[in-house]
């Protein structure tokens, strides 16, 4: 795992400037939805997943460090968390939480690797 939960792992297969919008997202135990938005900013990379009917149409924000692999051929992103772990994460509200450092810190702690918030902005 990356030392920074807000950065993609070198082994993830992330290609610089590739548009991930619309990619399907797979938890360790099944599909959770499709990428609606993503960011590649240094120390604040993430994907926003539209969960569709899985969590009644809500969105979830996943730090890039949760991404274990990106399959560009199948347009799928694999994350190393279960559906339950993602469902139990701090609730995401796009209007309130994008750009909110306190939310980033809370989410970084929830998904984190034991390192403090890296100072990035979502």
PDB file of N, CA and C in Angstrom:
ATOM      1  N   UNK A   1       0.841  -1.176   0.000  1.00  0.00           N
ATOM      2  CA  UNK A   1       0.000   0.000   0.000  1.00  0.00           C
ATOM      3  C   UNK A   1       0.884   1.237   0.000  1.00  0.00           C
ATOM      4  N   UNK A   2       0.374   2.285  -0.574  1.00  0.00           N
ATOM      5  CA  UNK A   2       1.098   3.549  -0.619  1.00  0.00           C
ATOM      6  C   UNK A   2       1.239   4.128   0.782  1.00  0.00           C
ATOM      7  N   UNK A   3       2.335   4.876   0.993  1.00  0.00           N
ATOM      8  CA  UNK A   3       2.502   5.584   2.259  1.00  0.00           C
ATOM      9  C   UNK A   3       1.481   6.695   2.392  1.00  0.00           C
ATOM     10  N   UNK A   4       0.927   7.137   1.290  1.00  0.00           N
ATOM     11  CA  UNK A   4      -0.033   8.225   1.277  1.00  0.00           C
ATOM     12  C   UNK A   4      -1.352   7.705   0.718  1.00  0.00           C
ATOM     13  N   UNK A   5      -2.379   7.667   1.537  1.00  0.00           N
ATOM     14  CA  UNK A   5      -3.679   7.156   1.108  1.00  0.00           C
ATOM     15  C   UNK A   5      -4.264   7.991  -0.035  1.00  0.00           C
ATOM     16  N   UNK A   6      -3.768   9.197  -0.217  1.00  0.00           N
ATOM     17  CA  UNK A   6      -4.278  10.099  -1.264  1.00  0.00           C
ATOM     18  C   UNK A   6      -3.454  10.028  -2.547  1.00  0.00           C
ATOM     19  N   UNK A   7      -2.602   9.019  -2.680  1.00  0.00           N
ATOM     20  CA  UNK A   7      -1.811   8.843  -3.903  1.00  0.00           C
ATOM     21  C   UNK A   7      -1.995   7.441  -4.458  1.00  0.00           C
ATOM     22  N   UNK A   8      -1.979   7.316  -5.788  1.00  0.00           N
ATOM     23  CA  UNK A   8      -2.072   5.998  -6.416  1.00  0.00           C
ATOM     24  C   UNK A   8      -0.806   5.200  -6.160  1.00  0.00           C
ATOM     25  N   UNK A   9      -0.948   3.923  -5.969  1.00  0.00           N
ATOM     26  CA  UNK A   9       0.200   3.031  -5.824  1.00  0.00           C
ATOM     27  C   UNK A   9       0.924   2.944  -7.162  1.00  0.00           C
ATOM     28  N   UNK A  10       2.220   2.822  -7.111  1.00  0.00           N
ATOM     29  CA  UNK A  10       2.995   2.676  -8.343  1.00  0.00           C
ATOM     30  C   UNK A  10       2.578   1.440  -9.120  1.00  0.00           C
ATOM     31  N   UNK A  11       2.090   0.419  -8.423  1.00  0.00           N
ATOM     32  CA  UNK A  11       1.712  -0.849  -9.045  1.00  0.00           C
ATOM     33  C   UNK A  11       0.264  -0.886  -9.528  1.00  0.00           C
ATOM     34  N   UNK A  12      -0.487   0.218  -9.387  1.00  0.00           N
ATOM     35  CA  UNK A  12      -1.912   0.211  -9.732  1.00  0.00           C
ATOM     36  C   UNK A  12      -2.181   0.205 -11.232  1.00  0.00           C
ATOM     37  N   UNK A  13      -1.202   0.626 -12.022  1.00  0.00           N
ATOM     38  CA  UNK A  13      -1.419   0.712 -13.456  1.00  0.00           C
ATOM     39  C   UNK A  13      -2.029   2.033 -13.876  1.00  0.00           C
ATOM     40  N   UNK A  14      -2.019   3.014 -12.993  1.00  0.00           N
ATOM     41  CA  UNK A  14      -2.575   4.333 -13.285  1.00  0.00           C
ATOM     42  C   UNK A  14      -1.728   5.024 -14.338  1.00  0.00           C
ATOM     43  N   UNK A  15      -2.372   5.439 -15.429  1.00  0.00           N
ATOM     44  CA  UNK A  15      -1.691   6.163 -16.493  1.00  0.00           C
ATOM     45  C   UNK A  15      -1.984   7.650 -16.331  1.00  0.00           C
ATOM     46  N   UNK A  16      -0.961   8.469 -16.361  1.00  0.00           N
ATOM     47  CA  UNK A  16      -1.125   9.911 -16.192  1.00  0.00           C
ATOM     48  C   UNK A  16      -2.103  10.455 -17.226  1.00  0.00           C
ATOM     49  N   UNK A  17      -2.990  11.308 -16.761  1.00  0.00           N
ATOM     50  CA  UNK A  17      -3.962  12.014 -17.599  1.00  0.00           C
ATOM     51  C   UNK A  17      -5.021  11.124 -18.235  1.00  0.00           C
ATOM     52  N   UNK A  18      -5.116   9.852 -17.845  1.00  0.00           N
ATOM     53  CA  UNK A  18      -6.172   8.981 -18.370  1.00  0.00           C
ATOM     54  C   UNK A  18      -7.489   9.327 -17.692  1.00  0.00           C
ATOM     55  N   UNK A  19      -8.551   9.404 -18.471  1.00  0.00           N
ATOM     56  CA  UNK A  19      -9.875   9.717 -17.937  1.00  0.00           C
ATOM     57  C   UNK A  19     -10.521   8.436 -17.417  1.00  0.00           C
ATOM     58  N   UNK A  20     -10.768   8.385 -16.117  1.00  0.00           N
ATOM     59  CA  UNK A  20     -11.360   7.200 -15.489  1.00  0.00           C
ATOM     60  C   UNK A  20     -12.879   7.287 -15.391  1.00  0.00           C
ATOM     61  N   UNK A  21     -13.464   8.395 -15.814  1.00  0.00           N
ATOM     62  CA  UNK A  21     -14.907   8.576 -15.726  1.00  0.00           C
ATOM     63  C   UNK A  21     -15.618   7.448 -16.471  1.00  0.00           C
ATOM     64  N   UNK A  22     -16.578   6.830 -15.795  1.00  0.00           N
ATOM     65  CA  UNK A  22     -17.345   5.740 -16.386  1.00  0.00           C
ATOM     66  C   UNK A  22     -16.781   4.360 -16.123  1.00  0.00           C
ATOM     67  N   UNK A  23     -15.548   4.274 -15.608  1.00  0.00           N
ATOM     68  CA  UNK A  23     -14.976   2.968 -15.281  1.00  0.00           C
ATOM     69  C   UNK A  23     -15.818   2.313 -14.185  1.00  0.00           C
ATOM     70  N   UNK A  24     -16.003   1.011 -14.285  1.00  0.00           N
ATOM     71  CA  UNK A  24     -16.671   0.252 -13.237  1.00  0.00           C
ATOM     72  C   UNK A  24     -15.714   0.083 -12.070  1.00  0.00           C
ATOM     73  N   UNK A  25     -16.252   0.061 -10.854  1.00  0.00           N
ATOM     74  CA  UNK A  25     -15.424  -0.076  -9.658  1.00  0.00           C
ATOM     75  C   UNK A  25     -15.813  -1.360  -8.934  1.00  0.00           C
ATOM     76  N   UNK A  26     -14.791  -2.167  -8.646  1.00  0.00           N
ATOM     77  CA  UNK A  26     -14.983  -3.460  -8.003  1.00  0.00           C
ATOM     78  C   UNK A  26     -14.335  -3.474  -6.627  1.00  0.00           C
ATOM     79  N   UNK A  27     -15.126  -3.752  -5.605  1.00  0.00           N
ATOM     80  CA  UNK A  27     -14.589  -3.999  -4.264  1.00  0.00           C
ATOM     81  C   UNK A  27     -14.066  -5.432  -4.245  1.00  0.00           C
ATOM     82  N   UNK A  28     -13.489  -5.852  -3.135  1.00  0.00           N
ATOM     83  CA  UNK A  28     -12.969  -7.217  -3.066  1.00  0.00           C
ATOM     84  C   UNK A  28     -14.074  -8.265  -3.166  1.00  0.00           C
ATOM     85  N   UNK A  29     -15.312  -7.839  -2.894  1.00  0.00           N
ATOM     86  CA  UNK A  29     -16.428  -8.788  -2.905  1.00  0.00           C
ATOM     87  C   UNK A  29     -17.556  -8.387  -3.850  1.00  0.00           C
ATOM     88  N   UNK A  30     -17.251  -7.614  -4.878  1.00  0.00           N
ATOM     89  CA  UNK A  30     -18.267  -7.314  -5.880  1.00  0.00           C
ATOM     90  C   UNK A  30     -18.292  -5.860  -6.322  1.00  0.00           C
ATOM     91  N   UNK A  31     -19.123  -5.619  -7.307  1.00  0.00           N
ATOM     92  CA  UNK A  31     -19.224  -4.299  -7.926  1.00  0.00           C
ATOM     93  C   UNK A  31     -19.872  -3.287  -6.988  1.00  0.00           C
ATOM     94  N   UNK A  32     -19.351  -2.034  -7.025  1.00  0.00           N
ATOM     95  CA  UNK A  32     -19.953  -0.978  -6.199  1.00  0.00           C
ATOM     96  C   UNK A  32     -20.469   0.197  -7.028  1.00  0.00           C
ATOM     97  N   UNK A  33     -20.184   0.227  -8.322  1.00  0.00           N
ATOM     98  CA  UNK A  33     -20.696   1.310  -9.150  1.00  0.00           C
ATOM     99  C   UNK A  33     -19.698   1.754 -10.202  1.00  0.00           C
ATOM    100  N   UNK A  34     -19.862   3.027 -10.634  1.00  0.00           N
ATOM    101  CA  UNK A  34     -19.018   3.584 -11.684  1.00  0.00           C
ATOM    102  C   UNK A  34     -18.418   4.910 -11.239  1.00  0.00           C
ATOM    103  N   UNK A  35     -17.240   5.219 -11.776  1.00  0.00           N
ATOM    104  CA  UNK A  35     -16.569   6.483 -11.466  1.00  0.00           C
ATOM    105  C   UNK A  35     -17.347   7.632 -12.091  1.00  0.00           C
ATOM    106  N   UNK A  36     -17.708   8.599 -11.247  1.00  0.00           N
ATOM    107  CA  UNK A  36     -18.416   9.785 -11.692  1.00  0.00           C
ATOM    108  C   UNK A  36     -17.457  10.969 -11.822  1.00  0.00           C
ATOM    109  N   UNK A  37     -16.423  10.983 -10.977  1.00  0.00           N
ATOM    110  CA  UNK A  37     -15.443  12.075 -10.963  1.00  0.00           C
ATOM    111  C   UNK A  37     -14.148  11.508 -10.404  1.00  0.00           C
ATOM    112  N   UNK A  38     -13.024  12.106 -10.816  1.00  0.00           N
ATOM    113  CA  UNK A  38     -11.747  11.694 -10.249  1.00  0.00           C
ATOM    114  C   UNK A  38     -10.790  12.864 -10.270  1.00  0.00           C
ATOM    115  N   UNK A  39      -9.768  12.757  -9.441  1.00  0.00           N
ATOM    116  CA  UNK A  39      -8.737  13.787  -9.358  1.00  0.00           C
ATOM    117  C   UNK A  39      -7.376  13.113  -9.333  1.00  0.00           C
ATOM    118  N   UNK A  40      -6.424  13.757  -9.993  1.00  0.00           N
ATOM    119  CA  UNK A  40      -5.050  13.263 -10.015  1.00  0.00           C
ATOM    120  C   UNK A  40      -4.094  14.227  -9.338  1.00  0.00           C
ATOM    121  N   UNK A  41      -4.619  15.140  -8.538  1.00  0.00           N
ATOM    122  CA  UNK A  41      -3.751  16.108  -7.870  1.00  0.00           C
ATOM    123  C   UNK A  41      -2.810  15.394  -6.903  1.00  0.00           C
ATOM    124  N   UNK A  42      -1.581  15.841  -6.862  1.00  0.00           N
ATOM    125  CA  UNK A  42      -0.586  15.255  -5.974  1.00  0.00           C
ATOM    126  C   UNK A  42      -1.065  15.362  -4.531  1.00  0.00           C
ATOM    127  N   UNK A  43      -0.995  14.274  -3.801  1.00  0.00           N
ATOM    128  CA  UNK A  43      -1.406  14.176  -2.398  1.00  0.00           C
ATOM    129  C   UNK A  43      -2.893  14.417  -2.156  1.00  0.00           C
ATOM    130  N   UNK A  44      -3.697  14.395  -3.206  1.00  0.00           N
ATOM    131  CA  UNK A  44      -5.146  14.500  -3.004  1.00  0.00           C
ATOM    132  C   UNK A  44      -5.905  13.810  -4.138  1.00  0.00           C
ATOM    133  N   UNK A  45      -5.374  12.701  -4.624  1.00  0.00           N
ATOM    134  CA  UNK A  45      -6.030  11.947  -5.695  1.00  0.00           C
ATOM    135  C   UNK A  45      -7.145  11.084  -5.119  1.00  0.00           C
ATOM    136  N   UNK A  46      -8.224  10.979  -5.870  1.00  0.00           N
ATOM    137  CA  UNK A  46      -9.385  10.220  -5.405  1.00  0.00           C
ATOM    138  C   UNK A  46     -10.270   9.858  -6.583  1.00  0.00           C
ATOM    139  N   UNK A  47     -11.239   8.980  -6.317  1.00  0.00           N
ATOM    140  CA  UNK A  47     -12.326   8.717  -7.255  1.00  0.00           C
ATOM    141  C   UNK A  47     -13.636   8.898  -6.495  1.00  0.00           C
ATOM    142  N   UNK A  48     -14.623   9.449  -7.174  1.00  0.00           N
ATOM    143  CA  UNK A  48     -15.981   9.533  -6.636  1.00  0.00           C
ATOM    144  C   UNK A  48     -16.793   8.495  -7.399  1.00  0.00           C
ATOM    145  N   UNK A  49     -17.419   7.587  -6.658  1.00  0.00           N
ATOM    146  CA  UNK A  49     -18.148   6.479  -7.260  1.00  0.00           C
ATOM    147  C   UNK A  49     -19.646   6.675  -7.068  1.00  0.00           C
ATOM    148  N   UNK A  50     -20.371   6.654  -8.183  1.00  0.00           N
ATOM    149  CA  UNK A  50     -21.835   6.655  -8.141  1.00  0.00           C
ATOM    150  C   UNK A  50     -22.246   5.208  -7.905  1.00  0.00           C
ATOM    151  N   UNK A  51     -22.824   4.943  -6.742  1.00  0.00           N
ATOM    152  CA  UNK A  51     -23.127   3.566  -6.353  1.00  0.00           C
ATOM    153  C   UNK A  51     -24.425   3.044  -6.955  1.00  0.00           C
ATOM    154  N   UNK A  52     -25.172   3.894  -7.641  1.00  0.00           N
ATOM    155  CA  UNK A  52     -26.420   3.442  -8.250  1.00  0.00           C
ATOM    156  C   UNK A  52     -27.329   2.829  -7.207  1.00  0.00           C
ATOM    157  N   UNK A  53     -27.957   1.697  -7.527  1.00  0.00           N
ATOM    158  CA  UNK A  53     -28.903   1.091  -6.582  1.00  0.00           C
ATOM    159  C   UNK A  53     -28.244   0.400  -5.395  1.00  0.00           C
ATOM    160  N   UNK A  54     -26.914   0.196  -5.450  1.00  0.00           N
ATOM    161  CA  UNK A  54     -26.255  -0.531  -4.363  1.00  0.00           C
ATOM    162  C   UNK A  54     -26.432   0.175  -3.025  1.00  0.00           C
ATOM    163  N   UNK A  55     -26.187   1.485  -2.957  1.00  0.00           N
ATOM    164  CA  UNK A  55     -26.460   2.239  -1.724  1.00  0.00           C
ATOM    165  C   UNK A  55     -27.476   3.328  -2.054  1.00  0.00           C
ATOM    166  N   UNK A  56     -28.525   2.954  -2.728  1.00  0.00           N
ATOM    167  CA  UNK A  56     -29.645   3.847  -3.028  1.00  0.00           C
ATOM    168  C   UNK A  56     -29.209   5.137  -3.705  1.00  0.00           C
ATOM    169  N   UNK A  57     -28.330   5.011  -4.696  1.00  0.00           N
ATOM    170  CA  UNK A  57     -27.962   6.154  -5.508  1.00  0.00           C
ATOM    171  C   UNK A  57     -27.005   7.140  -4.875  1.00  0.00           C
ATOM    172  N   UNK A  58     -26.382   6.774  -3.776  1.00  0.00           N
ATOM    173  CA  UNK A  58     -25.418   7.682  -3.145  1.00  0.00           C
ATOM    174  C   UNK A  58     -24.068   7.606  -3.844  1.00  0.00           C
ATOM    175  N   UNK A  59     -23.244   8.605  -3.545  1.00  0.00           N
ATOM    176  CA  UNK A  59     -21.873   8.612  -4.024  1.00  0.00           C
ATOM    177  C   UNK A  59     -20.943   8.342  -2.852  1.00  0.00           C
ATOM    178  N   UNK A  60     -19.804   7.736  -3.158  1.00  0.00           N
ATOM    179  CA  UNK A  60     -18.765   7.540  -2.152  1.00  0.00           C
ATOM    180  C   UNK A  60     -17.463   8.081  -2.719  1.00  0.00           C
ATOM    181  N   UNK A  61     -16.632   8.616  -1.845  1.00  0.00           N
ATOM    182  CA  UNK A  61     -15.318   9.102  -2.242  1.00  0.00           C
ATOM    183  C   UNK A  61     -14.288   8.106  -1.732  1.00  0.00           C
ATOM    184  N   UNK A  62     -13.456   7.633  -2.635  1.00  0.00           N
ATOM    185  CA  UNK A  62     -12.404   6.683  -2.277  1.00  0.00           C
ATOM    186  C   UNK A  62     -11.046   7.307  -2.559  1.00  0.00           C
ATOM    187  N   UNK A  63     -10.197   7.425  -1.543  1.00  0.00           N
ATOM    188  CA  UNK A  63      -8.840   7.918  -1.783  1.00  0.00           C
ATOM    189  C   UNK A  63      -8.117   7.004  -2.769  1.00  0.00           C
ATOM    190  N   UNK A  64      -7.241   7.578  -3.575  1.00  0.00           N
ATOM    191  CA  UNK A  64      -6.538   6.819  -4.609  1.00  0.00           C
ATOM    192  C   UNK A  64      -5.740   5.648  -4.040  1.00  0.00           C
ATOM    193  N   UNK A  65      -5.313   5.753  -2.793  1.00  0.00           N
ATOM    194  CA  UNK A  65      -4.545   4.684  -2.175  1.00  0.00           C
ATOM    195  C   UNK A  65      -5.327   3.401  -1.955  1.00  0.00           C
ATOM    196  N   UNK A  66      -6.656   3.460  -2.078  1.00  0.00           N
ATOM    197  CA  UNK A  66      -7.468   2.243  -1.961  1.00  0.00           C
ATOM    198  C   UNK A  66      -7.510   1.467  -3.273  1.00  0.00           C
ATOM    199  N   UNK A  67      -7.043   2.095  -4.353  1.00  0.00           N
ATOM    200  CA  UNK A  67      -7.054   1.460  -5.678  1.00  0.00           C
ATOM    201  C   UNK A  67      -5.880   0.488  -5.772  1.00  0.00           C
ATOM    202  N   UNK A  68      -6.203  -0.792  -5.967  1.00  0.00           N
ATOM    203  CA  UNK A  68      -5.142  -1.786  -6.083  1.00  0.00           C
ATOM    204  C   UNK A  68      -4.732  -2.015  -7.531  1.00  0.00           C
ATOM    205  N   UNK A  69      -5.699  -1.855  -8.461  1.00  0.00           N
ATOM    206  CA  UNK A  69      -5.378  -2.141  -9.863  1.00  0.00           C
ATOM    207  C   UNK A  69      -6.378  -1.434 -10.766  1.00  0.00           C
ATOM    208  N   UNK A  70      -5.878  -0.947 -11.895  1.00  0.00           N
ATOM    209  CA  UNK A  70      -6.724  -0.346 -12.918  1.00  0.00           C
ATOM    210  C   UNK A  70      -6.547  -1.146 -14.197  1.00  0.00           C
ATOM    211  N   UNK A  71      -7.658  -1.664 -14.725  1.00  0.00           N
ATOM    212  CA  UNK A  71      -7.643  -2.434 -15.962  1.00  0.00           C
ATOM    213  C   UNK A  71      -8.221  -1.537 -17.059  1.00  0.00           C
ATOM    214  N   UNK A  72      -7.346  -0.948 -17.857  1.00  0.00           N
ATOM    215  CA  UNK A  72      -7.815  -0.023 -18.891  1.00  0.00           C
ATOM    216  C   UNK A  72      -8.531  -0.745 -20.026  1.00  0.00           C
ATOM    217  N   UNK A  73      -8.179  -2.004 -20.286  1.00  0.00           N
ATOM    218  CA  UNK A  73      -8.847  -2.760 -21.355  1.00  0.00           C
ATOM    219  C   UNK A  73     -10.316  -3.002 -21.027  1.00  0.00           C
ATOM    220  N   UNK A  74     -10.599  -3.411 -19.789  1.00  0.00           N
ATOM    221  CA  UNK A  74     -11.978  -3.680 -19.368  1.00  0.00           C
ATOM    222  C   UNK A  74     -12.643  -2.463 -18.726  1.00  0.00           C
ATOM    223  N   UNK A  75     -11.902  -1.368 -18.582  1.00  0.00           N
ATOM    224  CA  UNK A  75     -12.378  -0.154 -17.922  1.00  0.00           C
ATOM    225  C   UNK A  75     -12.958  -0.474 -16.538  1.00  0.00           C
ATOM    226  N   UNK A  76     -12.093  -1.113 -15.731  1.00  0.00           N
ATOM    227  CA  UNK A  76     -12.458  -1.460 -14.354  1.00  0.00           C
ATOM    228  C   UNK A  76     -11.368  -1.009 -13.405  1.00  0.00           C
ATOM    229  N   UNK A  77     -11.810  -0.563 -12.237  1.00  0.00           N
ATOM    230  CA  UNK A  77     -10.910  -0.189 -11.162  1.00  0.00           C
ATOM    231  C   UNK A  77     -11.182  -1.129 -10.001  1.00  0.00           C
ATOM    232  N   UNK A  78     -10.146  -1.734  -9.478  1.00  0.00           N
ATOM    233  CA  UNK A  78     -10.266  -2.652  -8.351  1.00  0.00           C
ATOM    234  C   UNK A  78      -9.743  -1.958  -7.096  1.00  0.00           C
ATOM    235  N   UNK A  79     -10.548  -1.975  -6.043  1.00  0.00           N
ATOM    236  CA  UNK A  79     -10.129  -1.395  -4.770  1.00  0.00           C
ATOM    237  C   UNK A  79      -9.974  -2.508  -3.748  1.00  0.00           C
ATOM    238  N   UNK A  80      -9.122  -2.271  -2.749  1.00  0.00           N
ATOM    239  CA  UNK A  80      -8.805  -3.314  -1.771  1.00  0.00           C
ATOM    240  C   UNK A  80      -9.656  -3.213  -0.514  1.00  0.00           C
ATOM    241  N   UNK A  81     -10.883  -2.840  -0.667  1.00  0.00           N
ATOM    242  CA  UNK A  81     -11.821  -2.764   0.455  1.00  0.00           C
ATOM    243  C   UNK A  81     -13.077  -3.556   0.103  1.00  0.00           C
ATOM    244  N   UNK A  82     -13.766  -4.033   1.136  1.00  0.00           N
ATOM    245  CA  UNK A  82     -15.026  -4.752   0.918  1.00  0.00           C
ATOM    246  C   UNK A  82     -16.166  -3.757   0.730  1.00  0.00           C
ATOM    247  N   UNK A  83     -17.261  -4.251   0.223  1.00  0.00           N
ATOM    248  CA  UNK A  83     -18.448  -3.410   0.067  1.00  0.00           C
ATOM    249  C   UNK A  83     -18.895  -2.864   1.422  1.00  0.00           C
ATOM    250  N   UNK A  84     -18.814  -3.679   2.443  1.00  0.00           N
ATOM    251  CA  UNK A  84     -19.217  -3.253   3.790  1.00  0.00           C
ATOM    252  C   UNK A  84     -18.316  -2.131   4.310  1.00  0.00           C
ATOM    253  N   UNK A  85     -17.007  -2.260   4.105  1.00  0.00           N
ATOM    254  CA  UNK A  85     -16.086  -1.203   4.539  1.00  0.00           C
ATOM    255  C   UNK A  85     -16.394   0.109   3.830  1.00  0.00           C
ATOM    256  N   UNK A  86     -16.700   0.044   2.559  1.00  0.00           N
ATOM    257  CA  UNK A  86     -17.020   1.247   1.798  1.00  0.00           C
ATOM    258  C   UNK A  86     -18.354   1.824   2.249  1.00  0.00           C
ATOM    259  N   UNK A  87     -19.322   0.959   2.463  1.00  0.00           N
ATOM    260  CA  UNK A  87     -20.648   1.417   2.919  1.00  0.00           C
ATOM    261  C   UNK A  87     -20.558   2.076   4.294  1.00  0.00           C
ATOM    262  N   UNK A  88     -19.664   1.595   5.163  1.00  0.00           N
ATOM    263  CA  UNK A  88     -19.537   2.113   6.529  1.00  0.00           C
ATOM    264  C   UNK A  88     -18.623   3.341   6.633  1.00  0.00           C
ATOM    265  N   UNK A  89     -18.031   3.769   5.521  1.00  0.00           N
ATOM    266  CA  UNK A  89     -17.135   4.941   5.531  1.00  0.00           C
ATOM    267  C   UNK A  89     -17.931   6.197   5.864  1.00  0.00           C
ATOM    268  N   UNK A  90     -17.242   7.244   6.306  1.00  0.00           N
ATOM    269  CA  UNK A  90     -17.937   8.511   6.554  1.00  0.00           C
ATOM    270  C   UNK A  90     -18.737   8.919   5.314  1.00  0.00           C
ATOM    271  N   UNK A  91     -19.970   9.334   5.538  1.00  0.00           N
ATOM    272  CA  UNK A  91     -20.864   9.684   4.440  1.00  0.00           C
ATOM    273  C   UNK A  91     -20.285  10.828   3.615  1.00  0.00           C
ATOM    274  N   UNK A  92     -20.453  10.723   2.298  1.00  0.00           N
ATOM    275  CA  UNK A  92     -19.937  11.734   1.373  1.00  0.00           C
ATOM    276  C   UNK A  92     -21.070  12.556   0.798  1.00  0.00           C
ATOM    277  N   UNK A  93     -20.922  13.870   0.868  1.00  0.00           N
ATOM    278  CA  UNK A  93     -21.849  14.811   0.246  1.00  0.00           C
ATOM    279  C   UNK A  93     -20.995  15.745  -0.606  1.00  0.00           C
ATOM    280  N   UNK A  94     -21.144  15.648  -1.895  1.00  0.00           N
ATOM    281  CA  UNK A  94     -20.305  16.399  -2.837  1.00  0.00           C
ATOM    282  C   UNK A  94     -20.286  17.897  -2.521  1.00  0.00           C
ATOM    283  N   UNK A  95     -21.436  18.453  -2.199  1.00  0.00           N
ATOM    284  CA  UNK A  95     -21.530  19.896  -1.931  1.00  0.00           C
ATOM    285  C   UNK A  95     -20.778  20.297  -0.664  1.00  0.00           C
ATOM    286  N   UNK A  96     -20.786  19.434   0.333  1.00  0.00           N
ATOM    287  CA  UNK A  96     -20.147  19.747   1.621  1.00  0.00           C
ATOM    288  C   UNK A  96     -18.692  19.310   1.697  1.00  0.00           C
ATOM    289  N   UNK A  97     -18.335  18.213   1.041  1.00  0.00           N
ATOM    290  CA  UNK A  97     -17.068  17.558   1.334  1.00  0.00           C
ATOM    291  C   UNK A  97     -15.952  17.745   0.318  1.00  0.00           C
ATOM    292  N   UNK A  98     -16.260  18.067  -0.948  1.00  0.00           N
ATOM    293  CA  UNK A  98     -15.175  18.324  -1.894  1.00  0.00           C
ATOM    294  C   UNK A  98     -14.468  19.601  -1.463  1.00  0.00           C
ATOM    295  N   UNK A  99     -13.177  19.509  -1.253  1.00  0.00           N
ATOM    296  CA  UNK A  99     -12.396  20.667  -0.812  1.00  0.00           C
ATOM    297  C   UNK A  99     -12.407  20.896   0.685  1.00  0.00           C
ATOM    298  N   UNK A 100     -13.006  19.985   1.459  1.00  0.00           N
ATOM    299  CA  UNK A 100     -13.115  20.135   2.905  1.00  0.00           C
ATOM    300  C   UNK A 100     -11.989  19.348   3.586  1.00  0.00           C
ATOM    301  N   UNK A 101     -11.005  20.061   4.127  1.00  0.00           N
ATOM    302  CA  UNK A 101      -9.834  19.414   4.728  1.00  0.00           C
ATOM    303  C   UNK A 101     -10.200  18.526   5.910  1.00  0.00           C
ATOM    304  N   UNK A 102     -11.183  18.918   6.709  1.00  0.00           N
ATOM    305  CA  UNK A 102     -11.588  18.106   7.863  1.00  0.00           C
ATOM    306  C   UNK A 102     -12.173  16.774   7.400  1.00  0.00           C
ATOM    307  N   UNK A 103     -12.974  16.798   6.336  1.00  0.00           N
ATOM    308  CA  UNK A 103     -13.529  15.560   5.797  1.00  0.00           C
ATOM    309  C   UNK A 103     -12.409  14.678   5.245  1.00  0.00           C
ATOM    310  N   UNK A 104     -11.462  15.303   4.527  1.00  0.00           N
ATOM    311  CA  UNK A 104     -10.337  14.541   3.988  1.00  0.00           C
ATOM    312  C   UNK A 104      -9.577  13.831   5.103  1.00  0.00           C
ATOM    313  N   UNK A 105      -9.373  14.536   6.195  1.00  0.00           N
ATOM    314  CA  UNK A 105      -8.642  13.947   7.315  1.00  0.00           C
ATOM    315  C   UNK A 105      -9.431  12.783   7.913  1.00  0.00           C
ATOM    316  N   UNK A 106     -10.742  12.972   8.072  1.00  0.00           N
ATOM    317  CA  UNK A 106     -11.590  11.897   8.606  1.00  0.00           C
ATOM    318  C   UNK A 106     -11.563  10.681   7.686  1.00  0.00           C
ATOM    319  N   UNK A 107     -11.704  10.913   6.404  1.00  0.00           N
ATOM    320  CA  UNK A 107     -11.697   9.811   5.447  1.00  0.00           C
ATOM    321  C   UNK A 107     -10.313   9.168   5.364  1.00  0.00           C
ATOM    322  N   UNK A 108      -9.271  10.001   5.415  1.00  0.00           N
ATOM    323  CA  UNK A 108      -7.906   9.480   5.394  1.00  0.00           C
ATOM    324  C   UNK A 108      -7.628   8.593   6.590  1.00  0.00           C
ATOM    325  N   UNK A 109      -8.164   8.971   7.750  1.00  0.00           N
ATOM    326  CA  UNK A 109      -8.006   8.151   8.949  1.00  0.00           C
ATOM    327  C   UNK A 109      -8.773   6.841   8.802  1.00  0.00           C
ATOM    328  N   UNK A 110      -9.996   6.908   8.256  1.00  0.00           N
ATOM    329  CA  UNK A 110     -10.816   5.706   8.081  1.00  0.00           C
ATOM    330  C   UNK A 110     -10.139   4.708   7.131  1.00  0.00           C
ATOM    331  N   UNK A 111      -9.677   5.193   5.998  1.00  0.00           N
ATOM    332  CA  UNK A 111      -9.070   4.321   4.995  1.00  0.00           C
ATOM    333  C   UNK A 111      -7.558   4.215   5.123  1.00  0.00           C
ATOM    334  N   UNK A 112      -6.974   5.033   5.977  1.00  0.00           N
ATOM    335  CA  UNK A 112      -5.538   5.256   6.001  1.00  0.00           C
ATOM    336  C   UNK A 112      -4.660   4.096   6.359  1.00  0.00           C
ATOM    337  N   UNK A 113      -3.391   4.392   6.244  1.00  0.00           N
ATOM    338  CA  UNK A 113      -2.350   3.406   6.466  1.00  0.00           C
ATOM    339  C   UNK A 113      -1.598   3.682   7.760  1.00  0.00           C
ATOM    340  N   UNK A 114      -2.161   4.516   8.602  1.00  0.00           N
ATOM    341  CA  UNK A 114      -1.485   4.853   9.841  1.00  0.00           C
ATOM    342  C   UNK A 114      -0.705   6.145   9.751  1.00  0.00           C
ATOM    343  N   UNK A 115      -0.690   6.760   8.569  1.00  0.00           N
ATOM    344  CA  UNK A 115      -0.001   8.029   8.384  1.00  0.00           C
ATOM    345  C   UNK A 115      -1.006   9.160   8.527  1.00  0.00           C
ATOM    346  N   UNK A 116      -0.593  10.301   9.038  1.00  0.00           N
ATOM    347  CA  UNK A 116      -1.508  11.419   9.165  1.00  0.00           C
ATOM    348  C   UNK A 116      -1.887  11.976   7.796  1.00  0.00           C
ATOM    349  N   UNK A 117      -2.918  12.747   7.766  1.00  0.00           N
ATOM    350  CA  UNK A 117      -3.396  13.401   6.556  1.00  0.00           C
ATOM    351  C   UNK A 117      -2.237  14.106   5.851  1.00  0.00           C
ATOM    352  N   UNK A 118      -2.106  13.855   4.563  1.00  0.00           N
ATOM    353  CA  UNK A 118      -0.961  14.360   3.816  1.00  0.00           C
ATOM    354  C   UNK A 118      -1.021  15.814   3.428  1.00  0.00           C
ATOM    355  N   UNK A 119      -2.084  16.519   3.774  1.00  0.00           N
ATOM    356  CA  UNK A 119      -2.155  17.932   3.476  1.00  0.00           C
ATOM    357  C   UNK A 119      -2.772  18.241   2.126  1.00  0.00           C
ATOM    358  N   UNK A 120      -3.135  17.205   1.361  1.00  0.00           N
ATOM    359  CA  UNK A 120      -3.754  17.454   0.065  1.00  0.00           C
ATOM    360  C   UNK A 120      -5.179  17.945   0.202  1.00  0.00           C
ATOM    361  N   UNK A 121      -5.675  18.483  -0.877  1.00  0.00           N
ATOM    362  CA  UNK A 121      -7.049  18.999  -0.872  1.00  0.00           C
ATOM    363  C   UNK A 121      -7.872  18.172  -1.854  1.00  0.00           C
ATOM    364  N   UNK A 122      -9.084  17.823  -1.450  1.00  0.00           N
ATOM    365  CA  UNK A 122     -10.013  17.147  -2.352  1.00  0.00           C
ATOM    366  C   UNK A 122     -11.068  18.132  -2.758  1.00  0.00           C
TER     367      UNK A 122
END
